[in-house]
Amino acid sequence: MSVHTQSDTEPRLHYQDEFRLAWEAVPAHQPTPQQDTGHNLEVLRKLISLQRSIIEKQDSGPDVRADLQLLDNKLNMALDLLGDLYQTLHHLPPRIPVDLCSTSIEWLAPEPPNPDARLILRLYLSDHYPRPLIFTMRVVAVDLQIKPCRIHARFEEMDAPIRDELERLIFLLHRHSVAKSRHP
C-alpha cells in the first residue's frame, strides 16, 4: 500500500497486490458499452462485507477468537470449494501484479493495448468471491521499456457511489494487510 500524489487530483490511497485481471479493447468505431453500476455496487458491497468480517475477527477478544476461528475455517473451506468450482467452470485469468486506486489502475501485461485505447476491464479482487468488477477504462500510459509491459489506465464514467465503495474496499484491503503483517 502506498499513497501517490497525482497532478490532477488529490493524493489517493493505492493498494498493490496480485489480482486476476482481464481486458479487451473496444474498437474505436464502436460506442463504449454502458457500465453496469448495479452489478459493480453489489460485488463491491459483498467484498467489503467479506473484508469487514476478516478485520472484526482479528479485532475480537481471545475468548471469542477461538470460536470465530473455527467458524471461519469452516466457512473458508466452503468458500474455497465453491471458488474452485467456479474457476473450473469459468476460466478465470491468472493473477498478476496490480496497483489499484479509485481513479486508476496499473498492471503488467505481455501484450499491451494501444496508448489511449478504450478497454473493458474485468477485475477479480477475491478468489472467495470470484465475480469481477467490470469497468470501462482509458489507457493513459504504456511502459514498453520493461517486460511484461506496465499499463496505466483511468476509470471512465465511474459513478460516485462506485468510487466511494471502491475507496472503502481499498482502505479495508490495506487495513487487513497491515494487520496480517503484524500477526503473521
C-alpha atoms as a PDB file:
ATOM      1  CA  MET A   1       0.000   0.000   0.000  1.00  0.00           C
ATOM      2  CA  SER A   2       1.180   3.485  -0.729  1.00  0.00           C
ATOM      3  CA  VAL A   3      -0.105   6.999  -1.179  1.00  0.00           C
ATOM      4  CA  HIS A   4       0.662   8.672  -4.503  1.00  0.00           C
ATOM      5  CA  THR A   5       0.125  12.267  -5.473  1.00  0.00           C
ATOM      6  CA  GLN A   6      -1.372  12.699  -8.894  1.00  0.00           C
ATOM      7  CA  SER A   7      -1.100  16.041 -10.644  1.00  0.00           C
ATOM      8  CA  ASP A   8      -4.797  16.339 -11.489  1.00  0.00           C
ATOM      9  CA  THR A   9      -6.250  15.011  -8.221  1.00  0.00           C
ATOM     10  CA  GLU A  10      -5.624  14.985  -4.504  1.00  0.00           C
ATOM     11  CA  PRO A  11      -3.482  12.179  -3.037  1.00  0.00           C
ATOM     12  CA  ARG A  12      -5.154   8.798  -3.445  1.00  0.00           C
ATOM     13  CA  LEU A  13      -4.779   5.613  -1.475  1.00  0.00           C
ATOM     14  CA  HIS A  14      -3.289   2.853  -3.638  1.00  0.00           C
ATOM     15  CA  TYR A  15      -3.325  -0.852  -2.888  1.00  0.00           C
ATOM     16  CA  GLN A  16      -0.824  -3.186  -4.529  1.00  0.00           C
ATOM     17  CA  ASP A  17      -1.373  -6.929  -4.706  1.00  0.00           C
ATOM     18  CA  GLU A  18      -1.837  -9.737  -7.186  1.00  0.00           C
ATOM     19  CA  PHE A  19      -5.341  -9.958  -8.608  1.00  0.00           C
ATOM     20  CA  ARG A  20      -6.983 -11.678 -11.533  1.00  0.00           C
ATOM     21  CA  LEU A  21      -7.481  -9.204 -14.363  1.00  0.00           C
ATOM     22  CA  ALA A  22      -8.649  -9.467 -17.959  1.00  0.00           C
ATOM     23  CA  TRP A  23      -9.134  -6.744 -20.522  1.00  0.00           C
ATOM     24  CA  GLU A  24     -10.369  -6.368 -24.059  1.00  0.00           C
ATOM     25  CA  ALA A  25     -10.040  -3.375 -26.349  1.00  0.00           C
ATOM     26  CA  VAL A  26     -13.163  -1.579 -27.522  1.00  0.00           C
ATOM     27  CA  PRO A  27     -12.824  -0.799 -31.252  1.00  0.00           C
ATOM     28  CA  ALA A  28     -12.590   2.950 -31.985  1.00  0.00           C
ATOM     29  CA  HIS A  29     -15.731   2.942 -34.158  1.00  0.00           C
ATOM     30  CA  GLN A  30     -17.819   1.148 -31.516  1.00  0.00           C
ATOM     31  CA  PRO A  31     -19.538   3.128 -28.730  1.00  0.00           C
ATOM     32  CA  THR A  32     -18.340   2.408 -25.214  1.00  0.00           C
ATOM     33  CA  PRO A  33     -20.640  -0.114 -23.528  1.00  0.00           C
ATOM     34  CA  GLN A  34     -22.655   1.236 -20.614  1.00  0.00           C
ATOM     35  CA  GLN A  35     -21.262   0.192 -17.244  1.00  0.00           C
ATOM     36  CA  ASP A  36     -23.479  -1.920 -15.018  1.00  0.00           C
ATOM     37  CA  THR A  37     -23.475   0.180 -11.851  1.00  0.00           C
ATOM     38  CA  GLY A  38     -25.801  -2.227 -10.044  1.00  0.00           C
ATOM     39  CA  HIS A  39     -23.514  -5.206 -10.675  1.00  0.00           C
ATOM     40  CA  ASN A  40     -20.377  -3.351  -9.546  1.00  0.00           C
ATOM     41  CA  LEU A  41     -22.107  -1.995  -6.405  1.00  0.00           C
ATOM     42  CA  GLU A  42     -23.304  -5.495  -5.489  1.00  0.00           C
ATOM     43  CA  VAL A  43     -19.825  -7.006  -5.962  1.00  0.00           C
ATOM     44  CA  LEU A  44     -18.109  -4.168  -4.050  1.00  0.00           C
ATOM     45  CA  ARG A  45     -20.532  -4.384  -1.131  1.00  0.00           C
ATOM     46  CA  LYS A  46     -20.062  -8.143  -0.828  1.00  0.00           C
ATOM     47  CA  LEU A  47     -16.277  -7.793  -0.983  1.00  0.00           C
ATOM     48  CA  ILE A  48     -16.431  -5.072   1.697  1.00  0.00           C
ATOM     49  CA  SER A  49     -18.558  -7.351   3.863  1.00  0.00           C
ATOM     50  CA  LEU A  50     -16.002 -10.163   3.493  1.00  0.00           C
ATOM     51  CA  GLN A  51     -13.141  -7.805   4.408  1.00  0.00           C
ATOM     52  CA  ARG A  52     -15.006  -6.413   7.424  1.00  0.00           C
ATOM     53  CA  SER A  53     -15.670  -9.905   8.764  1.00  0.00           C
ATOM     54  CA  ILE A  54     -11.950 -10.710   8.496  1.00  0.00           C
ATOM     55  CA  ILE A  55     -10.987  -7.497  10.303  1.00  0.00           C
ATOM     56  CA  GLU A  56     -13.640  -7.955  13.015  1.00  0.00           C
ATOM     57  CA  LYS A  57     -12.353 -11.465  13.624  1.00  0.00           C
ATOM     58  CA  GLN A  58      -8.827 -10.110  14.093  1.00  0.00           C
ATOM     59  CA  ASP A  59     -10.060  -7.388  16.482  1.00  0.00           C
ATOM     60  CA  SER A  60     -12.127  -9.696  18.727  1.00  0.00           C
ATOM     61  CA  GLY A  61     -11.024 -10.796  22.190  1.00  0.00           C
ATOM     62  CA  PRO A  62      -9.215 -14.094  22.893  1.00  0.00           C
ATOM     63  CA  ASP A  63     -12.329 -15.907  24.254  1.00  0.00           C
ATOM     64  CA  VAL A  64     -14.373 -15.209  21.172  1.00  0.00           C
ATOM     65  CA  ARG A  65     -11.428 -15.589  18.807  1.00  0.00           C
ATOM     66  CA  ALA A  66     -11.220 -19.414  19.097  1.00  0.00           C
ATOM     67  CA  ASP A  67     -14.924 -19.844  18.280  1.00  0.00           C
ATOM     68  CA  LEU A  68     -14.702 -17.399  15.423  1.00  0.00           C
ATOM     69  CA  GLN A  69     -11.568 -19.112  14.112  1.00  0.00           C
ATOM     70  CA  LEU A  70     -13.323 -22.485  13.976  1.00  0.00           C
ATOM     71  CA  LEU A  71     -16.350 -20.993  12.241  1.00  0.00           C
ATOM     72  CA  ASP A  72     -14.099 -19.018   9.910  1.00  0.00           C
ATOM     73  CA  ASN A  73     -12.122 -22.150   8.967  1.00  0.00           C
ATOM     74  CA  LYS A  74     -15.308 -23.989   8.041  1.00  0.00           C
ATOM     75  CA  LEU A  75     -16.638 -21.048   6.069  1.00  0.00           C
ATOM     76  CA  ASN A  76     -13.317 -20.592   4.281  1.00  0.00           C
ATOM     77  CA  MET A  77     -13.290 -24.272   3.339  1.00  0.00           C
ATOM     78  CA  ALA A  78     -16.755 -23.963   1.810  1.00  0.00           C
ATOM     79  CA  LEU A  79     -15.799 -20.741   0.007  1.00  0.00           C
ATOM     80  CA  ASP A  80     -12.582 -22.314  -1.289  1.00  0.00           C
ATOM     81  CA  LEU A  81     -14.515 -25.266  -2.674  1.00  0.00           C
ATOM     82  CA  LEU A  82     -17.090 -23.011  -4.314  1.00  0.00           C
ATOM     83  CA  GLY A  83     -14.328 -20.765  -5.672  1.00  0.00           C
ATOM     84  CA  ASP A  84     -12.509 -23.783  -7.123  1.00  0.00           C
ATOM     85  CA  LEU A  85     -15.723 -24.978  -8.732  1.00  0.00           C
ATOM     86  CA  TYR A  86     -16.383 -21.537 -10.193  1.00  0.00           C
ATOM     87  CA  GLN A  87     -12.817 -21.310 -11.522  1.00  0.00           C
ATOM     88  CA  THR A  88     -13.197 -24.721 -13.145  1.00  0.00           C
ATOM     89  CA  LEU A  89     -16.444 -23.721 -14.832  1.00  0.00           C
ATOM     90  CA  HIS A  90     -15.341 -20.168 -15.752  1.00  0.00           C
ATOM     91  CA  HIS A  91     -11.788 -19.913 -16.943  1.00  0.00           C
ATOM     92  CA  LEU A  92     -10.504 -17.118 -14.717  1.00  0.00           C
ATOM     93  CA  PRO A  93      -7.481 -15.091 -15.776  1.00  0.00           C
ATOM     94  CA  PRO A  94      -4.186 -15.621 -13.956  1.00  0.00           C
ATOM     95  CA  ARG A  95      -3.091 -13.456 -11.020  1.00  0.00           C
ATOM     96  CA  ILE A  96      -0.898 -10.515 -11.970  1.00  0.00           C
ATOM     97  CA  PRO A  97       0.605  -7.575 -10.030  1.00  0.00           C
ATOM     98  CA  VAL A  98      -1.911  -4.725  -9.838  1.00  0.00           C
ATOM     99  CA  ASP A  99      -1.729  -1.211  -8.374  1.00  0.00           C
ATOM    100  CA  LEU A 100      -5.296  -0.087  -7.688  1.00  0.00           C
ATOM    101  CA  CYS A 101      -6.759   3.239  -6.611  1.00  0.00           C
ATOM    102  CA  SER A 102     -10.208   4.783  -7.007  1.00  0.00           C
ATOM    103  CA  THR A 103      -9.266   6.744 -10.138  1.00  0.00           C
ATOM    104  CA  SER A 104      -6.897   4.419 -11.996  1.00  0.00           C
ATOM    105  CA  ILE A 105      -5.204   1.055 -12.177  1.00  0.00           C
ATOM    106  CA  GLU A 106      -1.795  -0.208 -13.278  1.00  0.00           C
ATOM    107  CA  TRP A 107      -0.926  -3.764 -14.242  1.00  0.00           C
ATOM    108  CA  LEU A 108       1.646  -5.788 -16.138  1.00  0.00           C
ATOM    109  CA  ALA A 109       0.855  -7.492 -19.436  1.00  0.00           C
ATOM    110  CA  PRO A 110       2.972  -9.284 -22.035  1.00  0.00           C
ATOM    111  CA  GLU A 111       0.930  -7.735 -24.857  1.00  0.00           C
ATOM    112  CA  PRO A 112      -0.144  -4.173 -24.078  1.00  0.00           C
ATOM    113  CA  PRO A 113      -3.121  -2.315 -25.513  1.00  0.00           C
ATOM    114  CA  ASN A 114      -2.538   0.725 -27.692  1.00  0.00           C
ATOM    115  CA  PRO A 115      -1.955   4.014 -25.872  1.00  0.00           C
ATOM    116  CA  ASP A 116      -5.249   5.930 -25.494  1.00  0.00           C
ATOM    117  CA  ALA A 117      -7.244   2.738 -26.169  1.00  0.00           C
ATOM    118  CA  ARG A 118     -10.620   2.210 -24.550  1.00  0.00           C
ATOM    119  CA  LEU A 119     -10.893  -1.056 -22.637  1.00  0.00           C
ATOM    120  CA  ILE A 120     -13.410  -3.221 -20.876  1.00  0.00           C
ATOM    121  CA  LEU A 121     -11.585  -4.408 -17.756  1.00  0.00           C
ATOM    122  CA  ARG A 122     -12.653  -7.293 -15.531  1.00  0.00           C
ATOM    123  CA  LEU A 123     -11.034  -7.239 -12.096  1.00  0.00           C
ATOM    124  CA  TYR A 124     -11.401 -10.173  -9.697  1.00  0.00           C
ATOM    125  CA  LEU A 125     -10.477  -8.975  -6.199  1.00  0.00           C
ATOM    126  CA  SER A 126     -11.180 -12.191  -4.278  1.00  0.00           C
ATOM    127  CA  ASP A 127     -10.920 -15.883  -5.049  1.00  0.00           C
ATOM    128  CA  HIS A 128     -13.534 -16.423  -2.313  1.00  0.00           C
ATOM    129  CA  TYR A 129     -15.988 -14.326  -4.291  1.00  0.00           C
ATOM    130  CA  PRO A 130     -14.839 -14.745  -7.902  1.00  0.00           C
ATOM    131  CA  ARG A 131     -17.169 -12.252  -9.546  1.00  0.00           C
ATOM    132  CA  PRO A 132     -15.468  -9.456 -11.456  1.00  0.00           C
ATOM    133  CA  LEU A 133     -15.853  -5.750 -11.205  1.00  0.00           C
ATOM    134  CA  ILE A 134     -16.363  -4.580 -14.783  1.00  0.00           C
ATOM    135  CA  PHE A 135     -15.123  -1.133 -15.754  1.00  0.00           C
ATOM    136  CA  THR A 136     -14.650   0.966 -18.840  1.00  0.00           C
ATOM    137  CA  MET A 137     -11.083   2.259 -18.916  1.00  0.00           C
ATOM    138  CA  ARG A 138      -8.918   4.616 -20.962  1.00  0.00           C
ATOM    139  CA  VAL A 139      -5.234   3.719 -21.337  1.00  0.00           C
ATOM    140  CA  VAL A 140      -3.157   6.754 -20.367  1.00  0.00           C
ATOM    141  CA  ALA A 141       0.347   5.250 -20.448  1.00  0.00           C
ATOM    142  CA  VAL A 142       2.158   2.129 -21.614  1.00  0.00           C
ATOM    143  CA  ASP A 143       5.740   1.485 -20.483  1.00  0.00           C
ATOM    144  CA  LEU A 144       7.339  -0.671 -23.171  1.00  0.00           C
ATOM    145  CA  GLN A 145      10.791  -0.432 -21.539  1.00  0.00           C
ATOM    146  CA  ILE A 146      10.026  -3.330 -19.203  1.00  0.00           C
ATOM    147  CA  LYS A 147       8.725  -6.803 -19.997  1.00  0.00           C
ATOM    148  CA  PRO A 148       5.983  -7.521 -19.281  1.00  0.00           C
ATOM    149  CA  CYS A 149       4.819  -4.008 -20.124  1.00  0.00           C
ATOM    150  CA  ARG A 150       3.301  -1.732 -17.486  1.00  0.00           C
ATOM    151  CA  ILE A 151      -0.127  -0.345 -18.408  1.00  0.00           C
ATOM    152  CA  HIS A 152      -1.719   2.623 -16.639  1.00  0.00           C
ATOM    153  CA  ALA A 153      -5.421   3.211 -17.273  1.00  0.00           C
ATOM    154  CA  ARG A 154      -8.043   5.543 -15.802  1.00  0.00           C
ATOM    155  CA  PHE A 155     -11.616   4.643 -14.998  1.00  0.00           C
ATOM    156  CA  GLU A 156     -14.136   6.263 -17.332  1.00  0.00           C
ATOM    157  CA  GLU A 157     -17.625   7.319 -16.281  1.00  0.00           C
ATOM    158  CA  MET A 158     -17.453   5.922 -12.744  1.00  0.00           C
ATOM    159  CA  ASP A 159     -20.446   6.922 -10.640  1.00  0.00           C
ATOM    160  CA  ALA A 160     -19.767   8.469  -7.213  1.00  0.00           C
ATOM    161  CA  PRO A 161     -21.266   5.516  -5.251  1.00  0.00           C
ATOM    162  CA  ILE A 162     -18.958   3.090  -7.077  1.00  0.00           C
ATOM    163  CA  ARG A 163     -15.915   5.306  -6.435  1.00  0.00           C
ATOM    164  CA  ASP A 164     -16.853   5.618  -2.729  1.00  0.00           C
ATOM    165  CA  GLU A 165     -17.276   1.857  -2.315  1.00  0.00           C
ATOM    166  CA  LEU A 166     -14.030   1.195  -4.196  1.00  0.00           C
ATOM    167  CA  GLU A 167     -12.182   3.622  -1.896  1.00  0.00           C
ATOM    168  CA  ARG A 168     -13.718   1.894   1.135  1.00  0.00           C
ATOM    169  CA  LEU A 169     -12.641  -1.520  -0.164  1.00  0.00           C
ATOM    170  CA  ILE A 170      -9.093  -0.326  -0.895  1.00  0.00           C
ATOM    171  CA  PHE A 171      -8.874   1.015   2.662  1.00  0.00           C
ATOM    172  CA  LEU A 172     -10.112  -2.293   4.125  1.00  0.00           C
ATOM    173  CA  LEU A 173      -7.697  -4.324   1.988  1.00  0.00           C
ATOM    174  CA  HIS A 174      -4.868  -2.127   3.234  1.00  0.00           C
ATOM    175  CA  ARG A 175      -6.023  -2.427   6.843  1.00  0.00           C
ATOM    176  CA  HIS A 176      -6.173  -6.214   6.516  1.00  0.00           C
ATOM    177  CA  SER A 177      -2.662  -6.384   5.011  1.00  0.00           C
ATOM    178  CA  VAL A 178      -1.279  -4.244   7.855  1.00  0.00           C
ATOM    179  CA  ALA A 179      -2.982  -6.440  10.467  1.00  0.00           C
ATOM    180  CA  LYS A 180      -1.703  -9.574   8.745  1.00  0.00           C
ATOM    181  CA  SER A 181       1.864  -8.234   8.731  1.00  0.00           C
ATOM    182  CA  ARG A 182       1.650  -7.590  12.495  1.00  0.00           C
ATOM    183  CA  HIS A 183       0.246 -11.061  13.273  1.00  0.00           C
ATOM    184  CA  PRO A 184       1.503 -13.463  10.584  1.00  0.00           C
END
